[in-house]
Amino acid sequence: MAKKTRMGVYVRTASDRGFDYTLVSCRRGMLGGIYFLEDDDFHFRYSIQRPDGWWYTKTFETELEAIKYMVQNSFLMNWHYDELYIRMGDYTNCESGAITWRDNIESINLAA
């Protein structure tokens, strides 16, 4: 029987010039930052800044959607994993759509 490969995605709150955002990383490095920003239509949505400073053009309703997209599109995660799980660090974001206890992150496999 083959051994399952597992990897954790680490989520914590960081600050940039007094503005809190969610930093997402794994043991291979930083995947990017998730910011809660106002879009062109005056709606607040989650936007992803890549580690190289560029932004993805797609925005998201919830932070979990943004994390899933980030994992699927990161070259650091371009490996075969049976299980990709989320680990919470010092996380304090409280805006609408942020990760909450209702999301039951322990049961989410980002590799599925």
C-alpha atoms as a PDB file:
ATOM      1  CA  MET A   1       0.000   0.000   0.000  1.00  0.00           C
ATOM      2  CA  ALA A   2       1.387   3.360  -1.046  1.00  0.00           C
ATOM      3  CA  LYS A   3       1.986   5.988   1.577  1.00  0.00           C
ATOM      4  CA  LYS A   4      -0.263   9.046   1.340  1.00  0.00           C
ATOM      5  CA  THR A   5       1.496  12.325   0.793  1.00  0.00           C
ATOM      6  CA  ARG A   6       0.294  15.188   3.013  1.00  0.00           C
ATOM      7  CA  MET A   7       1.135  18.843   3.212  1.00  0.00           C
ATOM      8  CA  GLY A   8      -0.201  21.677   5.316  1.00  0.00           C
ATOM      9  CA  VAL A   9      -1.028  25.179   4.137  1.00  0.00           C
ATOM     10  CA  TYR A  10      -0.346  27.627   6.951  1.00  0.00           C
ATOM     11  CA  VAL A  11      -2.673  30.652   7.336  1.00  0.00           C
ATOM     12  CA  ARG A  12      -1.978  33.591   9.641  1.00  0.00           C
ATOM     13  CA  THR A  13      -2.718  37.296   9.899  1.00  0.00           C
ATOM     14  CA  ALA A  14       0.077  39.670   8.935  1.00  0.00           C
ATOM     15  CA  SER A  15       0.215  43.450   8.750  1.00  0.00           C
ATOM     16  CA  ASP A  16       1.365  45.762   5.974  1.00  0.00           C
ATOM     17  CA  ARG A  17       1.602  49.424   7.017  1.00  0.00           C
ATOM     18  CA  GLY A  18      -1.109  48.904   9.622  1.00  0.00           C
ATOM     19  CA  PHE A  19      -3.413  47.056   7.218  1.00  0.00           C
ATOM     20  CA  ASP A  20      -4.124  43.427   8.169  1.00  0.00           C
ATOM     21  CA  TYR A  21      -4.139  40.713   5.528  1.00  0.00           C
ATOM     22  CA  THR A  22      -3.959  36.924   5.475  1.00  0.00           C
ATOM     23  CA  LEU A  23      -0.560  35.411   4.719  1.00  0.00           C
ATOM     24  CA  VAL A  24      -0.678  31.916   3.201  1.00  0.00           C
ATOM     25  CA  SER A  25       2.428  29.736   3.127  1.00  0.00           C
ATOM     26  CA  CYS A  26       3.579  26.130   3.065  1.00  0.00           C
ATOM     27  CA  ARG A  27       6.826  24.454   4.049  1.00  0.00           C
ATOM     28  CA  ARG A  28       8.252  25.272   0.608  1.00  0.00           C
ATOM     29  CA  GLY A  29       7.632  29.014   0.938  1.00  0.00           C
ATOM     30  CA  MET A  30       5.070  31.791   0.764  1.00  0.00           C
ATOM     31  CA  LEU A  31       2.079  31.322  -1.555  1.00  0.00           C
ATOM     32  CA  GLY A  32       0.867  34.908  -1.241  1.00  0.00           C
ATOM     33  CA  GLY A  33      -1.320  37.329   0.647  1.00  0.00           C
ATOM     34  CA  ILE A  34      -5.094  37.689   0.681  1.00  0.00           C
ATOM     35  CA  TYR A  35      -6.483  41.205   1.053  1.00  0.00           C
ATOM     36  CA  PHE A  36     -10.081  42.313   1.623  1.00  0.00           C
ATOM     37  CA  LEU A  37     -10.361  45.185  -0.868  1.00  0.00           C
ATOM     38  CA  GLU A  38     -12.982  47.239  -2.643  1.00  0.00           C
ATOM     39  CA  ASP A  39     -13.349  46.398  -6.343  1.00  0.00           C
ATOM     40  CA  ASP A  40     -14.318  48.665  -9.273  1.00  0.00           C
ATOM     41  CA  ASP A  41     -18.029  48.090  -8.555  1.00  0.00           C
ATOM     42  CA  PHE A  42     -17.640  49.280  -4.929  1.00  0.00           C
ATOM     43  CA  HIS A  43     -17.997  45.760  -3.469  1.00  0.00           C
ATOM     44  CA  PHE A  44     -15.505  44.360  -0.993  1.00  0.00           C
ATOM     45  CA  ARG A  45     -13.954  41.100  -2.208  1.00  0.00           C
ATOM     46  CA  TYR A  46     -10.871  39.019  -1.490  1.00  0.00           C
ATOM     47  CA  SER A  47      -7.891  39.681  -3.748  1.00  0.00           C
ATOM     48  CA  ILE A  48      -4.664  37.698  -3.940  1.00  0.00           C
ATOM     49  CA  GLN A  49      -1.195  39.197  -4.155  1.00  0.00           C
ATOM     50  CA  ARG A  50       1.447  36.729  -5.314  1.00  0.00           C
ATOM     51  CA  PRO A  51       4.882  36.585  -3.637  1.00  0.00           C
ATOM     52  CA  ASP A  52       6.423  38.414  -6.632  1.00  0.00           C
ATOM     53  CA  GLY A  53       4.174  41.428  -5.964  1.00  0.00           C
ATOM     54  CA  TRP A  54       1.765  40.859  -8.869  1.00  0.00           C
ATOM     55  CA  TRP A  55      -1.975  40.457  -8.296  1.00  0.00           C
ATOM     56  CA  TYR A  56      -4.332  37.826  -9.651  1.00  0.00           C
ATOM     57  CA  THR A  57      -7.157  39.474 -11.606  1.00  0.00           C
ATOM     58  CA  LYS A  58      -9.787  37.128 -10.162  1.00  0.00           C
ATOM     59  CA  THR A  59     -11.491  38.126  -6.889  1.00  0.00           C
ATOM     60  CA  PHE A  60     -13.404  35.971  -4.402  1.00  0.00           C
ATOM     61  CA  GLU A  61     -16.451  36.115  -2.144  1.00  0.00           C
ATOM     62  CA  THR A  62     -14.815  34.113   0.674  1.00  0.00           C
ATOM     63  CA  GLU A  63     -11.324  33.648   1.939  1.00  0.00           C
ATOM     64  CA  LEU A  64     -11.506  29.860   1.570  1.00  0.00           C
ATOM     65  CA  GLU A  65     -12.230  30.268  -2.152  1.00  0.00           C
ATOM     66  CA  ALA A  66      -9.147  32.482  -2.429  1.00  0.00           C
ATOM     67  CA  ILE A  67      -6.976  29.941  -0.589  1.00  0.00           C
ATOM     68  CA  LYS A  68      -8.182  27.114  -2.844  1.00  0.00           C
ATOM     69  CA  TYR A  69      -7.432  29.188  -5.954  1.00  0.00           C
ATOM     70  CA  MET A  70      -4.007  30.131  -4.602  1.00  0.00           C
ATOM     71  CA  VAL A  71      -3.111  26.496  -3.928  1.00  0.00           C
ATOM     72  CA  GLN A  72      -4.303  25.390  -7.377  1.00  0.00           C
ATOM     73  CA  ASN A  73      -2.274  28.112  -9.139  1.00  0.00           C
ATOM     74  CA  SER A  74       0.968  28.158  -7.152  1.00  0.00           C
ATOM     75  CA  PHE A  75       4.100  26.590  -8.582  1.00  0.00           C
ATOM     76  CA  LEU A  76       5.067  25.600  -5.023  1.00  0.00           C
ATOM     77  CA  MET A  77       1.998  23.360  -4.872  1.00  0.00           C
ATOM     78  CA  ASN A  78       2.506  21.857  -8.332  1.00  0.00           C
ATOM     79  CA  TRP A  79       3.168  18.427  -6.853  1.00  0.00           C
ATOM     80  CA  HIS A  80       0.955  15.437  -6.298  1.00  0.00           C
ATOM     81  CA  TYR A  81      -0.513  15.381  -2.805  1.00  0.00           C
ATOM     82  CA  ASP A  82      -3.211  13.117  -1.481  1.00  0.00           C
ATOM     83  CA  GLU A  83      -4.049  15.552   1.311  1.00  0.00           C
ATOM     84  CA  LEU A  84      -3.603  19.306   1.530  1.00  0.00           C
ATOM     85  CA  TYR A  85      -4.915  20.673   4.795  1.00  0.00           C
ATOM     86  CA  ILE A  86      -5.192  24.133   6.342  1.00  0.00           C
ATOM     87  CA  ARG A  87      -3.399  25.028   9.564  1.00  0.00           C
ATOM     88  CA  MET A  88      -4.348  28.185  11.392  1.00  0.00           C
ATOM     89  CA  GLY A  89      -1.699  30.300  13.024  1.00  0.00           C
ATOM     90  CA  ASP A  90      -2.165  33.722  14.602  1.00  0.00           C
ATOM     91  CA  TYR A  91      -5.328  34.451  12.637  1.00  0.00           C
ATOM     92  CA  THR A  92      -7.620  37.319  13.626  1.00  0.00           C
ATOM     93  CA  ASN A  93      -9.395  38.541  10.480  1.00  0.00           C
ATOM     94  CA  CYS A  94     -13.061  39.267  11.139  1.00  0.00           C
ATOM     95  CA  GLU A  95     -14.527  40.708   7.926  1.00  0.00           C
ATOM     96  CA  SER A  96     -17.452  39.014   6.196  1.00  0.00           C
ATOM     97  CA  GLY A  97     -16.318  35.974   4.215  1.00  0.00           C
ATOM     98  CA  ALA A  98     -13.285  35.312   6.419  1.00  0.00           C
ATOM     99  CA  ILE A  99     -12.530  31.847   7.740  1.00  0.00           C
ATOM    100  CA  THR A 100     -14.658  31.047  10.787  1.00  0.00           C
ATOM    101  CA  TRP A 101     -15.332  28.068  13.020  1.00  0.00           C
ATOM    102  CA  ARG A 102     -18.378  27.275  10.836  1.00  0.00           C
ATOM    103  CA  ASP A 103     -16.081  26.490   7.896  1.00  0.00           C
ATOM    104  CA  ASN A 104     -14.865  23.324   9.690  1.00  0.00           C
ATOM    105  CA  ILE A 105     -11.414  23.576   8.102  1.00  0.00           C
ATOM    106  CA  GLU A 106     -10.292  20.299   9.683  1.00  0.00           C
ATOM    107  CA  SER A 107     -12.442  18.451   7.152  1.00  0.00           C
ATOM    108  CA  ILE A 108     -11.292  20.404   4.066  1.00  0.00           C
ATOM    109  CA  ASN A 109      -8.861  18.654   1.729  1.00  0.00           C
ATOM    110  CA  LEU A 110      -7.560  21.219  -0.778  1.00  0.00           C
ATOM    111  CA  ALA A 111      -6.143  18.418  -2.953  1.00  0.00           C
ATOM    112  CA  ALA A 112      -9.586  16.951  -3.634  1.00  0.00           C
END
